[in-house]
Amino acid sequence: METISALILAGGKSERMTHPKPWLMLDGQTFAEKIIDTYISAGIEKIVLVINKEFCGNEWQNTLQKIKAKTESAILFFMKRSP
């Protein structure tokens, strides 16, 4: 049986928004949590969320705690802006 993985690219600056998109609230969850919950319920076994801490402040820490409570297969990857 094959393992299905998901890669969520959420490292953009969100210049047109007032807030980074992964941390916008939707139905009581951040957008990132909502996407990850959807993938988990679809049977996705490995999930990688790519963010840029430069644009996210500390909000990613709360989301990471919630994600870890649901699955051990989610990975948070931090990208750096190239010079």
N, C-alpha and C. Protein backbone atom coordinates (compact mmCIF):
# COMPACT_ATOMS: atom_id res chain seq x y z
N MET A 1 0.84 -1.18 0.00
CA MET A 1 0.00 0.00 0.00
C MET A 1 0.89 1.24 0.00
N GLU A 2 0.53 2.21 -0.81
CA GLU A 2 1.32 3.42 -0.94
C GLU A 2 0.99 4.42 0.17
N THR A 3 2.01 5.18 0.56
CA THR A 3 1.81 6.27 1.51
C THR A 3 1.55 7.55 0.73
N ILE A 4 0.51 8.26 1.11
CA ILE A 4 0.20 9.53 0.46
C ILE A 4 0.65 10.65 1.38
N SER A 5 1.36 11.61 0.80
CA SER A 5 1.87 12.76 1.56
C SER A 5 1.25 14.04 1.03
N ALA A 6 1.25 15.07 1.87
CA ALA A 6 0.75 16.39 1.46
C ALA A 6 1.80 17.44 1.81
N LEU A 7 1.98 18.38 0.92
CA LEU A 7 2.88 19.51 1.13
C LEU A 7 2.05 20.78 1.05
N ILE A 8 2.00 21.52 2.16
CA ILE A 8 1.21 22.76 2.22
C ILE A 8 2.20 23.92 2.20
N LEU A 9 2.19 24.68 1.11
CA LEU A 9 3.09 25.83 0.97
C LEU A 9 2.38 27.07 1.51
N ALA A 10 2.84 27.53 2.67
CA ALA A 10 2.18 28.67 3.32
C ALA A 10 3.23 29.66 3.81
N GLY A 11 4.28 29.87 3.03
CA GLY A 11 5.38 30.73 3.45
C GLY A 11 5.35 32.12 2.85
N GLY A 12 4.28 32.46 2.17
CA GLY A 12 4.20 33.77 1.52
C GLY A 12 3.98 34.91 2.51
N LYS A 13 4.15 36.10 2.02
CA LYS A 13 4.07 37.29 2.87
C LYS A 13 2.63 37.76 3.12
N SER A 14 1.70 37.35 2.30
CA SER A 14 0.28 37.76 2.43
C SER A 14 0.13 39.28 2.42
N GLU A 15 0.79 39.92 1.49
CA GLU A 15 0.80 41.38 1.44
C GLU A 15 -0.58 42.00 1.26
N ARG A 16 -1.46 41.33 0.54
CA ARG A 16 -2.79 41.89 0.30
C ARG A 16 -3.75 41.63 1.45
N MET A 17 -3.34 40.77 2.38
CA MET A 17 -4.17 40.46 3.54
C MET A 17 -3.68 41.29 4.72
N THR A 18 -4.48 41.38 5.74
CA THR A 18 -4.05 42.10 6.94
C THR A 18 -3.31 41.19 7.91
N HIS A 19 -3.27 39.92 7.59
CA HIS A 19 -2.73 38.91 8.51
C HIS A 19 -2.22 37.73 7.67
N PRO A 20 -1.16 37.03 8.09
CA PRO A 20 -0.71 35.86 7.33
C PRO A 20 -1.84 34.83 7.18
N LYS A 21 -2.06 34.36 5.97
CA LYS A 21 -3.19 33.46 5.67
C LYS A 21 -3.24 32.19 6.51
N PRO A 22 -2.10 31.54 6.80
CA PRO A 22 -2.22 30.29 7.58
C PRO A 22 -2.85 30.50 8.96
N TRP A 23 -2.79 31.72 9.48
CA TRP A 23 -3.25 31.97 10.85
C TRP A 23 -4.58 32.72 10.90
N LEU A 24 -5.22 32.91 9.73
CA LEU A 24 -6.57 33.46 9.73
C LEU A 24 -7.53 32.43 10.33
N MET A 25 -8.53 32.90 11.06
CA MET A 25 -9.48 32.00 11.71
C MET A 25 -10.62 31.65 10.76
N LEU A 26 -11.01 30.37 10.79
CA LEU A 26 -12.10 29.87 9.98
C LEU A 26 -12.81 28.79 10.79
N ASP A 27 -14.04 29.05 11.20
CA ASP A 27 -14.82 28.10 12.00
C ASP A 27 -14.10 27.69 13.28
N GLY A 28 -13.47 28.65 13.96
CA GLY A 28 -12.82 28.37 15.24
C GLY A 28 -11.44 27.75 15.16
N GLN A 29 -10.91 27.61 13.95
CA GLN A 29 -9.57 27.06 13.76
C GLN A 29 -8.79 27.99 12.84
N THR A 30 -7.46 27.89 12.91
CA THR A 30 -6.68 28.62 11.91
C THR A 30 -6.85 27.91 10.57
N PHE A 31 -6.60 28.64 9.51
CA PHE A 31 -6.71 28.07 8.17
C PHE A 31 -5.77 26.87 8.02
N ALA A 32 -4.57 26.98 8.59
CA ALA A 32 -3.60 25.86 8.53
C ALA A 32 -4.17 24.63 9.24
N GLU A 33 -4.75 24.80 10.42
CA GLU A 33 -5.35 23.67 11.14
C GLU A 33 -6.47 23.03 10.33
N LYS A 34 -7.30 23.86 9.72
CA LYS A 34 -8.44 23.38 8.94
C LYS A 34 -7.96 22.52 7.77
N ILE A 35 -6.92 22.97 7.08
CA ILE A 35 -6.38 22.21 5.96
C ILE A 35 -5.81 20.88 6.46
N ILE A 36 -5.04 20.93 7.54
CA ILE A 36 -4.42 19.71 8.08
C ILE A 36 -5.48 18.74 8.56
N ASP A 37 -6.53 19.22 9.23
CA ASP A 37 -7.63 18.34 9.66
C ASP A 37 -8.28 17.65 8.46
N THR A 38 -8.45 18.40 7.38
CA THR A 38 -9.05 17.84 6.17
C THR A 38 -8.17 16.73 5.61
N TYR A 39 -6.87 16.97 5.57
CA TYR A 39 -5.94 15.95 5.07
C TYR A 39 -5.94 14.71 5.98
N ILE A 40 -5.95 14.92 7.29
CA ILE A 40 -5.96 13.78 8.22
C ILE A 40 -7.21 12.94 8.01
N SER A 41 -8.38 13.60 7.90
CA SER A 41 -9.62 12.84 7.71
C SER A 41 -9.68 12.16 6.35
N ALA A 42 -8.88 12.64 5.40
CA ALA A 42 -8.84 11.99 4.08
C ALA A 42 -7.84 10.83 4.05
N GLY A 43 -7.15 10.61 5.17
CA GLY A 43 -6.23 9.49 5.25
C GLY A 43 -4.80 9.81 4.83
N ILE A 44 -4.49 11.09 4.67
CA ILE A 44 -3.12 11.48 4.32
C ILE A 44 -2.22 11.15 5.51
N GLU A 45 -1.16 10.42 5.25
CA GLU A 45 -0.32 9.92 6.33
C GLU A 45 0.81 10.85 6.74
N LYS A 46 1.35 11.61 5.80
CA LYS A 46 2.44 12.53 6.11
C LYS A 46 2.08 13.91 5.59
N ILE A 47 2.20 14.90 6.48
CA ILE A 47 1.82 16.26 6.14
C ILE A 47 2.99 17.18 6.46
N VAL A 48 3.38 18.00 5.49
CA VAL A 48 4.45 18.98 5.69
C VAL A 48 3.85 20.36 5.48
N LEU A 49 3.97 21.22 6.49
CA LEU A 49 3.50 22.60 6.42
C LEU A 49 4.72 23.50 6.36
N VAL A 50 4.86 24.25 5.26
CA VAL A 50 6.01 25.13 5.06
C VAL A 50 5.56 26.56 5.35
N ILE A 51 6.22 27.19 6.34
CA ILE A 51 5.90 28.58 6.69
C ILE A 51 7.19 29.39 6.76
N ASN A 52 7.04 30.70 6.87
CA ASN A 52 8.16 31.60 7.06
C ASN A 52 7.95 32.30 8.39
N LYS A 53 8.77 31.97 9.38
CA LYS A 53 8.59 32.55 10.72
C LYS A 53 8.68 34.07 10.70
N GLU A 54 9.38 34.61 9.73
CA GLU A 54 9.54 36.06 9.63
C GLU A 54 8.19 36.75 9.51
N PHE A 55 7.22 36.08 8.87
CA PHE A 55 5.91 36.68 8.64
C PHE A 55 4.84 36.19 9.62
N CYS A 56 5.18 35.23 10.49
CA CYS A 56 4.15 34.58 11.30
C CYS A 56 4.19 34.92 12.78
N GLY A 57 5.21 35.59 13.25
CA GLY A 57 5.31 35.85 14.68
C GLY A 57 5.35 34.54 15.45
N ASN A 58 4.66 34.47 16.58
CA ASN A 58 4.66 33.26 17.40
C ASN A 58 3.40 32.40 17.22
N GLU A 59 2.53 32.80 16.33
CA GLU A 59 1.26 32.09 16.17
C GLU A 59 1.46 30.63 15.73
N TRP A 60 2.54 30.35 15.02
CA TRP A 60 2.79 28.99 14.54
C TRP A 60 2.95 28.02 15.70
N GLN A 61 3.43 28.50 16.86
CA GLN A 61 3.66 27.61 18.00
C GLN A 61 2.36 27.00 18.52
N ASN A 62 1.32 27.82 18.64
CA ASN A 62 0.02 27.31 19.10
C ASN A 62 -0.55 26.30 18.11
N THR A 63 -0.44 26.61 16.83
CA THR A 63 -0.94 25.69 15.80
C THR A 63 -0.17 24.39 15.83
N LEU A 64 1.14 24.45 16.00
CA LEU A 64 1.95 23.23 16.05
C LEU A 64 1.53 22.34 17.21
N GLN A 65 1.25 22.92 18.38
CA GLN A 65 0.79 22.13 19.53
C GLN A 65 -0.51 21.41 19.21
N LYS A 66 -1.44 22.11 18.59
CA LYS A 66 -2.73 21.51 18.24
C LYS A 66 -2.57 20.40 17.21
N ILE A 67 -1.68 20.61 16.24
CA ILE A 67 -1.45 19.61 15.21
C ILE A 67 -0.82 18.36 15.82
N LYS A 68 0.15 18.55 16.69
CA LYS A 68 0.83 17.40 17.31
C LYS A 68 -0.14 16.58 18.15
N ALA A 69 -1.16 17.21 18.72
CA ALA A 69 -2.15 16.47 19.50
C ALA A 69 -2.99 15.57 18.60
N LYS A 70 -3.07 15.87 17.31
CA LYS A 70 -3.90 15.11 16.39
C LYS A 70 -3.12 14.05 15.62
N THR A 71 -1.87 14.34 15.32
CA THR A 71 -1.08 13.41 14.51
C THR A 71 0.40 13.63 14.75
N GLU A 72 1.15 12.57 14.69
CA GLU A 72 2.61 12.66 14.81
C GLU A 72 3.24 12.77 13.43
N SER A 73 2.44 12.66 12.38
CA SER A 73 3.00 12.64 11.04
C SER A 73 3.17 14.03 10.43
N ALA A 74 2.67 15.07 11.11
CA ALA A 74 2.79 16.42 10.57
C ALA A 74 4.16 17.00 10.90
N ILE A 75 4.73 17.67 9.92
CA ILE A 75 6.04 18.28 10.07
C ILE A 75 5.90 19.76 9.75
N LEU A 76 6.53 20.60 10.54
CA LEU A 76 6.55 22.03 10.28
C LEU A 76 7.92 22.38 9.77
N PHE A 77 7.99 22.97 8.61
CA PHE A 77 9.26 23.32 7.99
C PHE A 77 9.33 24.82 7.84
N PHE A 78 10.43 25.41 8.29
CA PHE A 78 10.60 26.86 8.21
C PHE A 78 11.46 27.21 7.02
N MET A 79 10.99 28.10 6.21
CA MET A 79 11.81 28.56 5.10
C MET A 79 12.40 29.91 5.44
N LYS A 80 13.50 30.24 4.82
CA LYS A 80 14.12 31.54 5.01
C LYS A 80 14.04 32.28 3.69
N ARG A 81 13.86 33.58 3.81
CA ARG A 81 13.83 34.39 2.61
C ARG A 81 15.24 34.49 2.07
N SER A 82 15.39 34.30 0.79
CA SER A 82 16.73 34.38 0.22
C SER A 82 17.15 35.85 0.11
N PRO A 83 18.46 36.11 0.26
CA PRO A 83 18.94 37.50 0.23
C PRO A 83 18.77 38.18 -1.10
